[in-house]
Protein backbone atom coordinates (compact mmCIF):
# COMPACT_ATOMS: atom_id res chain seq x y z
CA MET A 1 -103.41 -53.61 -191.75
CA SER A 2 -99.65 -53.44 -192.09
CA GLU A 3 -97.60 -50.58 -190.76
CA SER A 4 -96.16 -48.08 -193.24
CA PHE A 5 -92.43 -47.82 -193.73
CA THR A 6 -90.90 -44.99 -191.71
CA ALA A 7 -87.33 -44.01 -190.91
CA GLN A 8 -87.99 -45.08 -187.32
CA ASN A 9 -89.21 -48.63 -188.02
CA THR A 10 -87.21 -49.60 -191.11
CA ALA A 11 -83.80 -51.10 -191.81
CA MET A 12 -82.23 -51.54 -195.26
CA LEU A 13 -80.19 -54.40 -196.70
CA LEU A 14 -78.42 -53.98 -200.05
CA ILE A 15 -77.60 -57.43 -201.37
CA ASP A 16 -74.59 -57.83 -203.67
CA HIS A 17 -74.51 -54.39 -205.28
CA GLN A 18 -71.33 -55.47 -207.03
CA VAL A 19 -69.91 -54.26 -210.33
CA GLY A 20 -69.93 -57.64 -212.05
CA THR A 21 -73.30 -58.76 -210.74
CA MET A 22 -74.92 -55.48 -211.73
CA ARG A 23 -73.58 -55.81 -215.29
CA TRP A 24 -75.62 -59.03 -215.66
CA VAL A 25 -78.89 -57.08 -215.35
CA ARG A 26 -80.60 -56.60 -218.71
CA SER A 27 -83.85 -54.84 -217.70
CA ILE A 28 -82.14 -51.46 -217.20
CA GLY A 29 -78.71 -50.06 -218.03
CA PHE A 30 -75.77 -50.32 -215.66
CA ASN A 31 -75.55 -46.56 -215.04
CA GLU A 32 -79.23 -46.31 -214.11
CA LEU A 33 -78.97 -49.35 -211.84
CA LYS A 34 -75.87 -47.90 -210.19
CA ALA A 35 -77.59 -44.53 -209.68
CA ASN A 36 -80.56 -46.30 -208.08
CA SER A 37 -78.28 -48.25 -205.73
CA LEU A 38 -76.40 -45.14 -204.68
CA ALA A 39 -79.67 -43.21 -204.20
CA LEU A 40 -80.98 -45.94 -201.87
CA THR A 41 -77.75 -45.79 -199.89
CA GLU A 42 -77.81 -42.00 -199.67
CA ALA A 43 -81.46 -42.09 -198.57
CA ALA A 44 -80.72 -44.59 -195.81
CA LYS A 45 -77.86 -42.46 -194.52
CA ALA A 46 -79.80 -39.18 -194.76
CA LEU A 47 -82.80 -40.67 -192.92
CA ASP A 48 -80.64 -42.48 -190.36
CA ILE A 49 -82.03 -45.85 -191.44
CA PRO A 50 -79.79 -48.74 -190.36
CA LEU A 51 -78.01 -50.13 -193.42
CA MET A 52 -76.30 -53.45 -194.05
CA LEU A 53 -74.37 -54.45 -197.17
CA THR A 54 -73.51 -57.89 -198.47
CA SER A 55 -71.19 -59.14 -201.16
CA SER A 56 -70.39 -62.56 -202.52
CA MET A 57 -67.27 -63.88 -204.12
CA GLU A 58 -65.71 -60.46 -204.74
CA ALA A 59 -62.57 -61.97 -206.27
CA TYR A 60 -64.61 -63.64 -209.02
CA ALA A 61 -67.03 -62.54 -211.74
CA GLN A 62 -69.29 -60.76 -209.25
CA GLY A 63 -66.52 -58.24 -208.63
CA PRO A 64 -66.23 -55.71 -205.81
CA LEU A 65 -69.03 -53.66 -204.30
CA LEU A 66 -69.59 -50.31 -205.96
CA SER A 67 -66.68 -48.17 -204.80
CA GLU A 68 -69.00 -45.20 -204.16
CA LEU A 69 -70.69 -47.18 -201.37
CA LYS A 70 -67.46 -46.85 -199.39
CA ASP A 71 -67.67 -43.06 -199.67
CA ILE A 72 -71.37 -42.83 -198.78
CA ALA A 73 -71.43 -45.47 -196.03
CA PRO A 74 -67.86 -46.18 -194.91
CA ALA A 75 -68.71 -48.02 -191.67
CA GLU A 76 -71.30 -50.20 -193.36
CA PHE A 77 -68.92 -50.90 -196.24
CA ALA A 78 -66.21 -52.03 -193.83
CA ALA A 79 -68.69 -54.20 -191.90
CA ARG A 80 -70.27 -55.75 -195.01
CA ILE A 81 -71.14 -59.40 -194.86
CA GLN A 82 -68.88 -61.23 -197.28
CA ARG A 83 -70.15 -64.67 -198.10
CA GLN A 84 -69.62 -67.41 -200.62
CA LEU A 85 -73.24 -68.53 -201.03
CA PHE A 86 -76.61 -67.02 -200.26
CA ASN A 87 -77.35 -69.34 -197.39
CA LEU A 88 -78.06 -66.83 -194.64
CA ASP A 89 -81.38 -65.53 -193.35
CA MET A 90 -80.44 -61.98 -194.24
CA GLY A 91 -83.83 -60.40 -193.50
CA GLY A 92 -84.03 -62.09 -190.11
CA MET A 93 -80.48 -61.11 -189.25
CA LEU A 94 -81.20 -57.51 -190.24
CA GLY A 95 -84.25 -57.45 -187.98
CA ARG A 96 -82.39 -58.97 -185.03
CA LYS A 97 -79.42 -56.65 -185.42
CA THR A 98 -81.43 -53.45 -185.76
CA GLY A 99 -84.64 -54.23 -183.85
CA ARG A 100 -86.59 -52.78 -186.79
CA ALA A 101 -89.81 -54.52 -187.82
CA SER A 102 -89.84 -53.22 -191.41
CA ARG A 103 -87.04 -54.22 -193.75
CA LEU A 104 -86.16 -53.05 -197.24
CA LEU A 105 -84.12 -55.64 -199.13
CA ALA A 106 -82.68 -54.66 -202.49
CA SER A 107 -80.73 -57.01 -204.69
């Protein structure tokens, strides 16, 4: 049986929550997607869940991370992993960095 997610055993990774990338989503509207992303970030901060952010190619079509992320999680925003390609073991890195067994990845 797997262990349930708790604030004590979980870390969160938000992958490329960027303005341009999020506008490519067609299953829900941009504003709803943005609200969901910000709610996840606020929940991580309120529950003291370690949070990591990534972005890719911010100067191109993907655009910058949501600016509100900087207000909600300024340290994590500043320490975001900026990459050119998705070639990193992000889940493994999150686990090693935080020591948390459970990981929430949202892209």
